[in-house]
N, C-alpha and C. Protein backbone atom coordinates (compact mmCIF):
# COMPACT_ATOMS: atom_id res chain seq x y z
N UNK A 1 10.18 5.74 -22.73
CA UNK A 1 9.49 5.82 -21.55
C UNK A 1 8.50 7.14 -21.82
N UNK A 2 8.84 7.95 -22.56
CA UNK A 2 7.82 9.25 -22.87
C UNK A 2 6.45 8.57 -23.27
N UNK A 3 6.44 7.50 -23.84
CA UNK A 3 5.04 7.11 -24.32
C UNK A 3 4.27 6.22 -23.24
N UNK A 4 4.80 5.95 -22.24
CA UNK A 4 4.12 5.36 -21.08
C UNK A 4 2.96 6.17 -20.45
N UNK A 5 1.91 5.57 -20.05
CA UNK A 5 0.78 6.28 -19.55
C UNK A 5 1.28 6.84 -18.12
N UNK A 6 0.98 8.17 -18.09
CA UNK A 6 1.14 8.83 -16.75
C UNK A 6 -0.04 9.02 -15.93
N UNK A 7 -0.04 8.20 -14.79
CA UNK A 7 -1.24 8.23 -13.90
C UNK A 7 -1.10 8.91 -12.53
N UNK A 8 -0.11 9.59 -12.37
CA UNK A 8 -0.06 10.40 -11.18
C UNK A 8 -0.65 11.83 -11.59
N UNK A 9 -1.32 12.25 -10.56
CA UNK A 9 -1.90 13.56 -10.68
C UNK A 9 -0.79 14.68 -10.72
N UNK A 10 -1.03 15.47 -11.93
CA UNK A 10 -0.02 16.43 -12.14
C UNK A 10 -0.12 17.64 -11.16
N UNK A 11 -1.15 17.74 -10.48
CA UNK A 11 -1.54 18.92 -9.63
C UNK A 11 -0.99 18.60 -8.12
N UNK A 12 -0.40 17.36 -7.91
CA UNK A 12 0.00 17.09 -6.49
C UNK A 12 1.49 16.61 -6.57
N UNK A 13 2.29 16.89 -5.41
CA UNK A 13 3.70 16.59 -5.47
C UNK A 13 3.99 15.34 -4.90
N UNK A 14 2.99 14.58 -4.07
CA UNK A 14 3.27 13.35 -3.39
C UNK A 14 4.45 13.42 -2.44
N UNK A 15 4.53 14.50 -1.79
CA UNK A 15 5.53 14.64 -0.88
C UNK A 15 4.95 14.55 0.46
N UNK A 16 3.60 14.89 0.72
CA UNK A 16 2.79 14.85 1.78
C UNK A 16 1.44 14.32 1.41
N UNK A 17 0.65 13.76 2.20
CA UNK A 17 -0.69 13.34 2.24
C UNK A 17 -1.06 11.97 2.65
N UNK A 18 -2.23 11.65 2.44
CA UNK A 18 -2.90 10.41 2.92
C UNK A 18 -3.10 9.59 1.65
N UNK A 19 -2.49 8.33 1.49
CA UNK A 19 -2.70 7.63 0.19
C UNK A 19 -3.08 6.08 0.54
N UNK A 20 -3.82 5.76 -0.42
CA UNK A 20 -4.21 4.22 -0.37
C UNK A 20 -3.16 3.63 -1.57
N UNK A 21 -2.32 2.69 -1.00
CA UNK A 21 -1.36 2.19 -2.15
C UNK A 21 -1.61 0.64 -2.37
N UNK A 22 -1.51 0.32 -3.63
CA UNK A 22 -1.61 -1.13 -3.94
C UNK A 22 -0.41 -1.62 -4.81
N UNK A 23 0.22 -2.53 -4.36
CA UNK A 23 1.38 -3.04 -5.04
C UNK A 23 1.08 -4.48 -5.25
N UNK A 24 1.39 -4.91 -6.52
CA UNK A 24 1.13 -6.23 -7.08
C UNK A 24 2.54 -7.02 -7.18
N UNK A 25 2.41 -8.29 -7.14
CA UNK A 25 3.55 -9.13 -7.45
C UNK A 25 3.70 -9.30 -8.87
N UNK A 26 5.10 -9.54 -9.35
CA UNK A 26 5.37 -9.69 -10.68
C UNK A 26 4.23 -10.68 -11.42
N UNK A 27 3.75 -10.16 -12.47
CA UNK A 27 2.73 -11.25 -13.24
C UNK A 27 1.66 -11.74 -12.33
N UNK A 28 1.48 -10.97 -11.22
CA UNK A 28 0.23 -11.21 -10.34
C UNK A 28 0.38 -12.73 -9.57
N UNK A 29 1.52 -13.08 -9.60
CA UNK A 29 1.64 -14.50 -8.94
C UNK A 29 1.37 -14.68 -7.53
N UNK A 30 1.04 -15.76 -7.08
CA UNK A 30 0.57 -15.99 -5.66
C UNK A 30 1.79 -16.40 -4.74
N UNK A 31 2.61 -15.31 -4.42
CA UNK A 31 3.74 -15.49 -3.82
C UNK A 31 3.80 -15.45 -2.28
N UNK A 32 2.76 -14.49 -1.74
CA UNK A 32 2.73 -14.16 -0.60
C UNK A 32 2.02 -15.06 0.37
N UNK A 33 1.36 -16.02 0.06
CA UNK A 33 0.54 -16.90 0.81
C UNK A 33 -0.75 -17.39 0.16
N UNK A 34 -1.76 -17.68 0.93
CA UNK A 34 -2.93 -18.27 0.39
C UNK A 34 -4.20 -17.85 1.35
N UNK A 35 -5.38 -17.87 0.68
CA UNK A 35 -6.63 -17.49 1.48
C UNK A 35 -7.21 -18.92 1.72
N UNK A 36 -7.66 -18.96 2.93
CA UNK A 36 -8.18 -20.29 3.37
C UNK A 36 -9.64 -19.94 3.89
N UNK A 37 -10.61 -20.56 3.60
CA UNK A 37 -12.00 -20.43 3.70
C UNK A 37 -12.77 -21.52 4.34
N UNK A 38 -12.22 -22.61 4.56
CA UNK A 38 -13.07 -23.80 4.85
C UNK A 38 -12.66 -24.10 6.39
N UNK A 39 -12.73 -23.13 7.21
CA UNK A 39 -12.46 -23.43 8.64
C UNK A 39 -13.40 -22.62 9.53
N UNK A 40 -13.59 -22.95 10.70
CA UNK A 40 -14.49 -22.41 11.57
C UNK A 40 -14.13 -20.93 11.92
N UNK A 41 -12.95 -20.51 11.77
CA UNK A 41 -12.60 -19.18 12.11
C UNK A 41 -13.01 -18.22 10.89
N UNK A 42 -13.38 -18.57 9.93
CA UNK A 42 -13.83 -17.75 8.67
C UNK A 42 -12.57 -17.78 7.88
N UNK A 43 -12.84 -16.86 6.76
CA UNK A 43 -11.86 -16.60 5.67
C UNK A 43 -10.59 -16.02 6.34
N UNK A 44 -9.45 -16.48 6.03
CA UNK A 44 -8.32 -15.68 6.48
C UNK A 44 -7.16 -16.06 5.60
N UNK A 45 -6.02 -15.24 5.69
CA UNK A 45 -4.81 -15.44 4.91
C UNK A 45 -3.83 -15.97 5.64
N UNK A 46 -3.18 -16.98 5.00
CA UNK A 46 -2.08 -17.68 5.60
C UNK A 46 -0.89 -17.25 4.82
N UNK A 47 0.07 -16.70 5.54
CA UNK A 47 1.26 -16.02 4.84
C UNK A 47 2.43 -17.19 4.38
N UNK A 48 3.04 -17.03 3.46
CA UNK A 48 4.21 -17.81 3.03
C UNK A 48 5.27 -17.18 3.89
N UNK A 49 6.64 -17.83 3.58
CA UNK A 49 7.82 -17.22 4.17
C UNK A 49 8.06 -15.89 3.64
N UNK A 50 7.87 -15.55 2.22
CA UNK A 50 7.91 -14.40 1.69
C UNK A 50 6.70 -13.26 2.14
N UNK A 51 5.59 -13.94 2.39
CA UNK A 51 4.55 -13.04 2.85
C UNK A 51 4.88 -12.47 4.46
N UNK A 52 5.53 -13.36 5.08
CA UNK A 52 5.94 -12.94 6.46
C UNK A 52 7.00 -11.80 6.29
N UNK A 53 7.81 -12.08 5.38
CA UNK A 53 9.01 -10.92 5.06
C UNK A 53 8.02 -9.66 4.69
N UNK A 54 7.31 -9.62 3.84
CA UNK A 54 6.48 -8.39 3.48
C UNK A 54 5.98 -7.84 4.69
N UNK A 55 5.08 -8.62 5.49
CA UNK A 55 4.41 -8.11 6.56
C UNK A 55 5.50 -7.40 7.60
N UNK A 56 6.79 -8.13 7.80
CA UNK A 56 7.90 -7.51 8.62
C UNK A 56 8.28 -6.15 8.04
N UNK A 57 8.31 -6.12 6.82
CA UNK A 57 8.90 -4.87 6.29
C UNK A 57 7.86 -3.83 6.26
N UNK A 58 6.48 -4.08 6.12
CA UNK A 58 5.50 -3.01 6.22
C UNK A 58 5.68 -2.46 7.61
N UNK A 59 5.74 -3.29 8.56
CA UNK A 59 5.75 -2.72 10.05
C UNK A 59 7.00 -1.92 10.32
N UNK A 60 8.07 -2.19 9.44
CA UNK A 60 9.33 -1.37 9.63
C UNK A 60 9.17 -0.02 8.96
N UNK A 61 8.33 0.23 8.21
CA UNK A 61 8.23 1.72 7.38
C UNK A 61 8.54 2.72 8.43
N UNK A 62 7.71 2.81 9.55
CA UNK A 62 7.91 3.97 10.32
C UNK A 62 9.08 4.23 10.95
N UNK A 63 9.87 3.08 11.16
CA UNK A 63 11.19 3.10 11.64
C UNK A 63 12.12 3.66 10.62
N UNK A 64 12.08 3.30 9.45
CA UNK A 64 12.90 3.85 8.44
C UNK A 64 12.52 5.28 7.96
N UNK A 65 11.17 5.52 7.91
CA UNK A 65 10.76 6.73 7.58
C UNK A 65 9.79 7.42 8.71
N UNK A 66 10.51 8.14 9.52
CA UNK A 66 9.80 8.69 10.77
C UNK A 66 8.52 9.50 10.44
N UNK A 67 8.49 10.17 9.28
CA UNK A 67 7.47 11.10 8.97
C UNK A 67 6.23 10.13 8.26
N UNK A 68 6.36 8.81 8.13
CA UNK A 68 5.37 8.03 7.56
C UNK A 68 4.65 7.27 8.60
N UNK A 69 3.40 7.05 8.64
CA UNK A 69 2.60 6.25 9.37
C UNK A 69 1.83 5.27 8.64
N UNK A 70 1.95 3.76 8.98
CA UNK A 70 0.96 2.99 8.37
C UNK A 70 -0.18 3.00 9.04
N UNK A 71 -1.16 3.44 8.37
CA UNK A 71 -2.59 3.51 9.08
C UNK A 71 -3.25 2.13 9.18
N UNK A 72 -3.03 1.44 8.07
CA UNK A 72 -3.61 0.07 7.95
C UNK A 72 -3.06 -0.54 6.83
N UNK A 73 -3.05 -1.94 6.71
CA UNK A 73 -2.48 -2.69 5.66
C UNK A 73 -3.10 -4.17 5.47
N UNK A 74 -2.91 -4.65 4.43
CA UNK A 74 -3.30 -6.13 4.26
C UNK A 74 -2.30 -6.77 3.26
N UNK A 75 -1.84 -7.90 3.55
CA UNK A 75 -0.96 -8.80 2.70
C UNK A 75 -1.84 -9.79 2.02
N UNK A 76 -1.98 -9.86 0.78
CA UNK A 76 -2.82 -10.99 0.02
C UNK A 76 -1.84 -11.79 -0.67
N UNK A 77 -2.43 -12.88 -1.28
CA UNK A 77 -1.54 -13.73 -2.02
C UNK A 77 -0.64 -13.13 -3.21
N UNK A 78 -1.21 -12.10 -3.83
CA UNK A 78 -0.39 -11.66 -4.95
C UNK A 78 -0.48 -10.08 -5.01
N UNK A 79 -0.81 -9.39 -3.84
CA UNK A 79 -0.69 -7.90 -3.77
C UNK A 79 -0.80 -7.39 -2.24
N UNK A 80 -0.43 -6.30 -1.97
CA UNK A 80 -0.66 -5.65 -0.85
C UNK A 80 -1.37 -4.43 -0.79
N UNK A 81 -2.12 -3.94 0.13
CA UNK A 81 -2.86 -2.72 0.24
C UNK A 81 -2.15 -1.99 1.51
N UNK A 82 -1.87 -0.74 1.40
CA UNK A 82 -1.39 0.11 2.62
C UNK A 82 -2.28 1.30 2.61
N UNK A 83 -2.49 1.96 3.75
CA UNK A 83 -2.86 3.10 3.86
C UNK A 83 -1.84 4.04 4.45
N UNK A 84 -1.14 4.88 3.80
CA UNK A 84 -0.04 5.47 4.35
C UNK A 84 -0.18 6.99 4.57
N UNK A 85 0.08 7.52 5.62
CA UNK A 85 0.18 9.01 5.99
C UNK A 85 1.57 9.47 5.83
N UNK A 86 1.71 10.29 4.90
CA UNK A 86 3.14 10.91 4.90
C UNK A 86 3.13 12.47 5.27
N UNK A 87 3.55 12.74 6.35
CA UNK A 87 3.61 13.97 7.16
C UNK A 87 2.49 13.97 7.96
N UNK A 88 2.63 14.16 9.30
CA UNK A 88 1.84 13.88 10.55
C UNK A 88 0.50 14.68 10.49
N UNK A 89 0.39 15.89 9.71
CA UNK A 89 -0.67 16.72 9.86
C UNK A 89 -1.82 16.04 9.14
N UNK A 90 -1.74 14.90 8.53
CA UNK A 90 -2.91 14.50 7.79
C UNK A 90 -3.70 13.27 8.50
N UNK A 91 -3.24 13.02 9.79
CA UNK A 91 -4.07 12.14 10.55
C UNK A 91 -4.33 12.54 11.85
N UNK A 92 -5.47 12.48 12.41
CA UNK A 92 -5.57 12.88 13.72
C UNK A 92 -6.29 11.59 14.35
N UNK A 93 -5.69 10.82 15.05
CA UNK A 93 -6.16 9.61 15.85
C UNK A 93 -7.13 10.10 16.95
N UNK A 94 -8.28 9.32 17.10
CA UNK A 94 -9.02 9.51 18.25
C UNK A 94 -8.56 8.82 19.46
N UNK A 95 -8.94 9.22 20.49
CA UNK A 95 -8.33 8.64 21.85
C UNK A 95 -8.92 7.30 22.06
N UNK A 96 -9.92 6.83 21.43
CA UNK A 96 -10.53 5.59 21.66
C UNK A 96 -10.47 4.61 20.57
N UNK A 97 -10.19 3.38 20.80
CA UNK A 97 -10.36 2.23 19.74
C UNK A 97 -9.71 2.50 18.32
N UNK A 98 -8.53 3.34 18.40
CA UNK A 98 -7.87 3.44 17.20
C UNK A 98 -8.79 4.05 15.99
N UNK A 99 -9.90 4.67 16.39
CA UNK A 99 -10.64 5.21 15.18
C UNK A 99 -10.09 6.62 14.79
N UNK A 100 -9.97 6.81 13.50
CA UNK A 100 -9.41 8.03 13.12
C UNK A 100 -10.45 9.05 12.73
N UNK A 101 -10.28 10.34 13.04
CA UNK A 101 -11.35 11.44 12.68
C UNK A 101 -10.45 12.46 12.22
N UNK A 102 -11.32 13.28 11.32
CA UNK A 102 -10.61 14.57 10.51
C UNK A 102 -9.50 14.07 9.77
N UNK A 103 -9.74 13.08 9.00
CA UNK A 103 -8.68 12.42 8.17
C UNK A 103 -8.84 12.87 6.67
N UNK A 104 -7.67 12.98 6.10
CA UNK A 104 -7.67 13.30 4.71
C UNK A 104 -6.68 14.18 4.19
N UNK A 105 -6.35 14.18 3.07
CA UNK A 105 -5.37 15.24 2.43
C UNK A 105 -6.00 16.60 2.52
N UNK A 106 -5.37 17.49 3.35
CA UNK A 106 -6.15 18.80 3.54
C UNK A 106 -5.86 19.76 2.48
N UNK A 107 -5.15 19.34 1.37
CA UNK A 107 -4.86 20.32 0.44
C UNK A 107 -6.31 20.69 -0.32
N UNK A 108 -6.43 21.91 -0.77
CA UNK A 108 -7.76 22.23 -1.37
C UNK A 108 -7.75 21.41 -2.56
N UNK A 109 -9.11 21.04 -3.01
CA UNK A 109 -9.32 20.29 -4.10
C UNK A 109 -9.23 20.96 -5.59
N UNK A 110 -8.99 22.24 -5.28
CA UNK A 110 -8.73 23.12 -6.71
C UNK A 110 -7.33 22.77 -7.23
N UNK A 111 -7.30 22.60 -8.53
CA UNK A 111 -6.03 22.30 -9.13
C UNK A 111 -4.98 23.55 -9.31
N UNK A 112 -4.06 23.81 -8.85
CA UNK A 112 -3.20 24.72 -8.96
C UNK A 112 -2.17 24.48 -10.29
N UNK A 113 -1.28 25.18 -10.11
CA UNK A 113 -0.06 24.97 -11.21
C UNK A 113 0.32 23.54 -11.25
N UNK A 114 0.51 23.01 -12.19
CA UNK A 114 1.06 21.41 -12.57
C UNK A 114 2.50 21.37 -11.86
N UNK A 115 2.62 20.29 -11.09
CA UNK A 115 3.88 19.97 -10.46
C UNK A 115 4.96 19.60 -11.76
N UNK A 116 5.91 20.35 -11.83
CA UNK A 116 7.05 20.00 -13.04
C UNK A 116 7.71 18.44 -12.69
N UNK A 117 7.83 18.10 -11.44
CA UNK A 117 8.45 16.85 -11.10
C UNK A 117 7.87 15.67 -11.73
N UNK A 118 8.47 14.71 -12.05
CA UNK A 118 7.81 13.41 -12.51
C UNK A 118 7.47 12.46 -11.59
N UNK A 119 7.48 12.92 -10.19
CA UNK A 119 7.05 12.09 -9.10
C UNK A 119 7.97 10.82 -8.85
N UNK A 120 8.97 10.48 -9.65
CA UNK A 120 9.91 9.45 -9.33
C UNK A 120 10.68 9.57 -7.94
N UNK A 121 10.95 10.92 -7.70
CA UNK A 121 11.68 11.24 -6.42
C UNK A 121 10.73 11.68 -5.34
N UNK A 122 9.55 11.69 -5.49
CA UNK A 122 8.46 12.15 -4.44
C UNK A 122 8.85 11.30 -3.14
N UNK A 123 8.30 11.85 -2.12
CA UNK A 123 8.52 11.30 -0.76
C UNK A 123 7.75 9.77 -0.86
N UNK A 124 6.54 9.78 -1.48
CA UNK A 124 5.68 8.60 -1.51
C UNK A 124 6.51 7.58 -2.26
N UNK A 125 7.09 8.00 -3.46
CA UNK A 125 7.83 7.01 -4.34
C UNK A 125 8.97 6.52 -3.55
N UNK A 126 9.62 7.40 -2.95
CA UNK A 126 10.91 6.90 -2.26
C UNK A 126 10.53 5.82 -1.01
N UNK A 127 9.52 6.17 -0.52
CA UNK A 127 8.96 5.25 0.64
C UNK A 127 8.67 3.80 -0.03
N UNK A 128 7.69 3.79 -1.07
CA UNK A 128 7.50 2.47 -1.81
C UNK A 128 8.75 1.79 -2.47
N UNK A 129 9.67 2.61 -3.00
CA UNK A 129 10.87 2.14 -3.46
C UNK A 129 11.77 1.48 -2.39
N UNK A 130 11.87 2.12 -1.22
CA UNK A 130 12.70 1.52 -0.28
C UNK A 130 12.13 0.22 0.30
N UNK A 131 10.77 0.20 0.39
CA UNK A 131 10.03 -0.97 1.08
C UNK A 131 10.16 -2.17 -0.01
N UNK A 132 9.93 -1.77 -1.23
CA UNK A 132 9.97 -3.13 -2.25
C UNK A 132 11.40 -3.66 -2.18
N UNK A 133 12.45 -2.63 -2.13
CA UNK A 133 13.88 -3.05 -2.23
C UNK A 133 14.26 -3.92 -0.83
N UNK A 134 13.75 -3.54 0.29
CA UNK A 134 13.94 -4.16 1.50
C UNK A 134 13.31 -5.62 1.53
N UNK A 135 12.13 -5.64 0.98
CA UNK A 135 11.51 -7.14 0.81
C UNK A 135 12.43 -8.01 -0.11
N UNK A 136 12.75 -7.40 -1.17
CA UNK A 136 13.51 -8.17 -2.06
C UNK A 136 14.88 -8.62 -1.48
N UNK A 137 15.49 -7.65 -0.90
CA UNK A 137 16.92 -7.90 -0.25
C UNK A 137 16.82 -9.06 0.70
N UNK A 138 15.85 -8.82 1.60
CA UNK A 138 15.74 -9.78 2.76
C UNK A 138 15.28 -11.37 2.07
N UNK A 139 14.50 -11.22 1.21
CA UNK A 139 13.86 -12.56 0.70
C UNK A 139 15.17 -13.24 0.00
N UNK A 140 16.02 -12.53 -0.75
CA UNK A 140 17.20 -13.06 -1.33
C UNK A 140 18.32 -13.52 -0.25
N UNK A 141 18.28 -12.73 0.79
CA UNK A 141 19.29 -13.25 1.70
C UNK A 141 18.80 -14.49 2.35
N UNK A 142 17.49 -14.79 2.46
CA UNK A 142 16.96 -16.04 2.92
C UNK A 142 16.79 -17.11 1.93
N UNK A 143 17.15 -16.67 0.68
CA UNK A 143 17.10 -17.74 -0.53
C UNK A 143 15.70 -18.07 -0.68
N UNK A 144 14.66 -17.16 -0.53
CA UNK A 144 13.23 -17.61 -0.90
C UNK A 144 12.65 -16.48 -1.92
N UNK A 145 13.62 -15.76 -2.66
CA UNK A 145 13.00 -14.75 -3.50
C UNK A 145 12.94 -15.54 -4.94
N UNK A 146 11.88 -15.21 -5.67
CA UNK A 146 11.84 -15.37 -7.13
C UNK A 146 12.80 -14.49 -7.86
N UNK A 147 12.90 -14.70 -9.15
CA UNK A 147 13.65 -13.71 -9.88
C UNK A 147 13.24 -12.44 -9.86
N UNK A 148 11.87 -12.17 -9.89
CA UNK A 148 11.29 -10.86 -9.70
C UNK A 148 10.07 -10.93 -8.68
N UNK A 149 9.92 -10.20 -7.64
CA UNK A 149 8.96 -10.18 -6.76
C UNK A 149 7.78 -9.38 -7.10
N UNK A 150 8.08 -8.09 -7.42
CA UNK A 150 7.23 -7.07 -7.77
C UNK A 150 7.06 -6.61 -9.06
N UNK A 151 5.81 -6.31 -9.30
CA UNK A 151 5.39 -5.57 -10.56
C UNK A 151 5.94 -4.17 -10.69
N UNK A 152 6.28 -3.63 -11.76
CA UNK A 152 6.79 -2.48 -11.84
C UNK A 152 5.75 -1.39 -11.32
N UNK A 153 6.27 -0.38 -10.65
CA UNK A 153 5.41 0.67 -10.17
C UNK A 153 4.60 0.27 -9.00
N UNK A 154 3.56 1.11 -8.76
CA UNK A 154 2.48 0.80 -7.86
C UNK A 154 1.45 1.62 -8.08
N UNK A 155 0.20 1.55 -7.61
CA UNK A 155 -0.99 2.43 -7.71
C UNK A 155 -1.26 3.05 -6.41
N UNK A 156 -1.64 4.33 -6.56
CA UNK A 156 -1.98 5.21 -5.33
C UNK A 156 -3.22 5.87 -5.53
N UNK A 157 -3.98 6.09 -4.51
CA UNK A 157 -5.18 6.97 -4.47
C UNK A 157 -5.12 7.93 -3.53
N UNK A 158 -4.99 9.21 -3.83
CA UNK A 158 -4.97 10.37 -2.75
C UNK A 158 -6.17 10.36 -1.89
N UNK A 159 -6.19 10.21 -0.69
CA UNK A 159 -7.19 10.18 0.20
C UNK A 159 -7.68 11.76 0.60
N UNK A 160 -8.74 12.18 0.29
CA UNK A 160 -8.92 13.74 0.51
C UNK A 160 -10.05 13.92 1.47
N UNK A 161 -10.84 12.88 1.92
CA UNK A 161 -11.97 13.22 2.82
C UNK A 161 -12.24 11.99 3.83
N UNK A 162 -12.81 12.32 4.88
CA UNK A 162 -13.10 11.38 5.99
C UNK A 162 -13.91 10.24 5.36
N UNK A 163 -14.91 10.47 4.61
CA UNK A 163 -15.79 9.28 4.12
C UNK A 163 -14.85 8.30 3.29
N UNK A 164 -14.11 8.90 2.47
CA UNK A 164 -13.14 8.04 1.52
C UNK A 164 -12.22 7.12 2.49
N UNK A 165 -11.69 7.73 3.49
CA UNK A 165 -10.84 7.13 4.36
C UNK A 165 -11.49 6.07 5.09
N UNK A 166 -12.78 6.18 5.57
CA UNK A 166 -13.46 5.16 6.24
C UNK A 166 -13.77 3.94 5.30
N UNK A 167 -14.24 4.37 4.01
CA UNK A 167 -14.54 3.34 3.18
C UNK A 167 -13.25 2.48 2.71
N UNK A 168 -12.10 2.94 2.55
CA UNK A 168 -10.79 2.40 2.33
C UNK A 168 -10.45 1.52 3.32
N UNK A 169 -10.39 2.10 4.61
CA UNK A 169 -10.08 1.25 5.88
C UNK A 169 -11.09 0.00 5.89
N UNK A 170 -12.22 0.08 5.66
CA UNK A 170 -13.10 -1.02 5.63
C UNK A 170 -12.74 -2.06 4.61
N UNK A 171 -12.32 -1.36 3.41
CA UNK A 171 -11.98 -2.37 2.12
C UNK A 171 -10.82 -3.13 2.48
N UNK A 172 -9.69 -2.41 3.11
CA UNK A 172 -8.38 -3.26 3.60
C UNK A 172 -8.92 -4.30 4.62
N UNK A 173 -9.66 -3.93 5.73
CA UNK A 173 -10.01 -4.82 6.75
C UNK A 173 -10.82 -6.19 6.16
N UNK A 174 -11.57 -5.96 5.03
CA UNK A 174 -12.38 -7.10 4.59
C UNK A 174 -11.60 -7.71 3.33
N UNK A 175 -10.62 -7.35 2.92
CA UNK A 175 -10.10 -7.82 1.68
C UNK A 175 -9.91 -9.31 1.62
N UNK A 176 -9.45 -10.11 2.78
CA UNK A 176 -9.39 -11.51 2.63
C UNK A 176 -10.80 -12.11 2.54
N UNK A 177 -11.75 -11.56 3.33
CA UNK A 177 -13.12 -12.21 3.19
C UNK A 177 -13.54 -12.04 1.80
N UNK A 178 -13.23 -11.00 0.84
CA UNK A 178 -13.82 -10.74 -0.32
C UNK A 178 -12.93 -11.34 -1.38
N UNK A 179 -12.09 -12.16 -1.22
CA UNK A 179 -10.97 -12.62 -1.94
C UNK A 179 -11.47 -13.16 -3.28
N UNK A 180 -12.75 -13.92 -3.18
CA UNK A 180 -13.20 -14.49 -4.45
C UNK A 180 -13.68 -13.42 -5.41
N UNK A 181 -14.05 -12.35 -4.91
CA UNK A 181 -14.39 -11.20 -5.96
C UNK A 181 -13.29 -10.15 -6.15
N UNK A 182 -12.09 -10.42 -5.74
CA UNK A 182 -10.95 -9.41 -5.81
C UNK A 182 -10.52 -9.58 -7.51
N UNK A 183 -10.05 -8.36 -7.76
CA UNK A 183 -9.71 -8.08 -9.22
C UNK A 183 -8.29 -8.55 -9.45
N UNK A 184 -7.64 -8.94 -8.47
CA UNK A 184 -6.26 -9.36 -8.52
C UNK A 184 -6.04 -10.90 -8.37
N UNK A 185 -7.29 -11.61 -8.19
CA UNK A 185 -7.37 -13.03 -7.99
C UNK A 185 -6.50 -13.90 -9.06
N UNK A 186 -6.52 -13.45 -10.27
CA UNK A 186 -5.82 -14.32 -11.26
C UNK A 186 -4.44 -14.43 -11.05
N UNK A 187 -4.06 -15.60 -11.23
CA UNK A 187 -2.60 -15.98 -10.93
C UNK A 187 -2.12 -16.74 -12.22
N UNK A 188 -0.86 -16.38 -12.62
CA UNK A 188 -0.19 -16.87 -13.77
C UNK A 188 0.91 -17.98 -13.37
């Protein structure tokens, strides 16, 4: 495992912050549903039974982890995107229409001493691991889980400023509409 590419920031501990998280299905298989674009309502995602479980488990994250807020998410045929706030100080919702202001990881951008932890037990990693396990457990209980649901690990981006937050929220909101251009479109 020492030769694996380390893609987590060595200057951040992943215990608090605002993150854009992407988790793919094993081999990017289309397990969670399908995208339909030939209807008057426009392009939309139609969830499979497993996709419904994924959606339900995302909604339960704050119940299981009270210090975590799911700011936005989308379930797609072979991946999910979530914007997660770990630690309440990173999000300041506006009073109107769910628009967020003064958002972002407020840690200074200067890189301090490297974090000695390997991030496997960081708060973010525990939240993602718990979520993936809950989906797999519930799918197996309903006898609808394939042998492997998830790709190993996950990708995260630390959101550090308002502009980035707004761009990511828009990307999540329009993900189904832009499915034909999505880098995760390939299915095996």
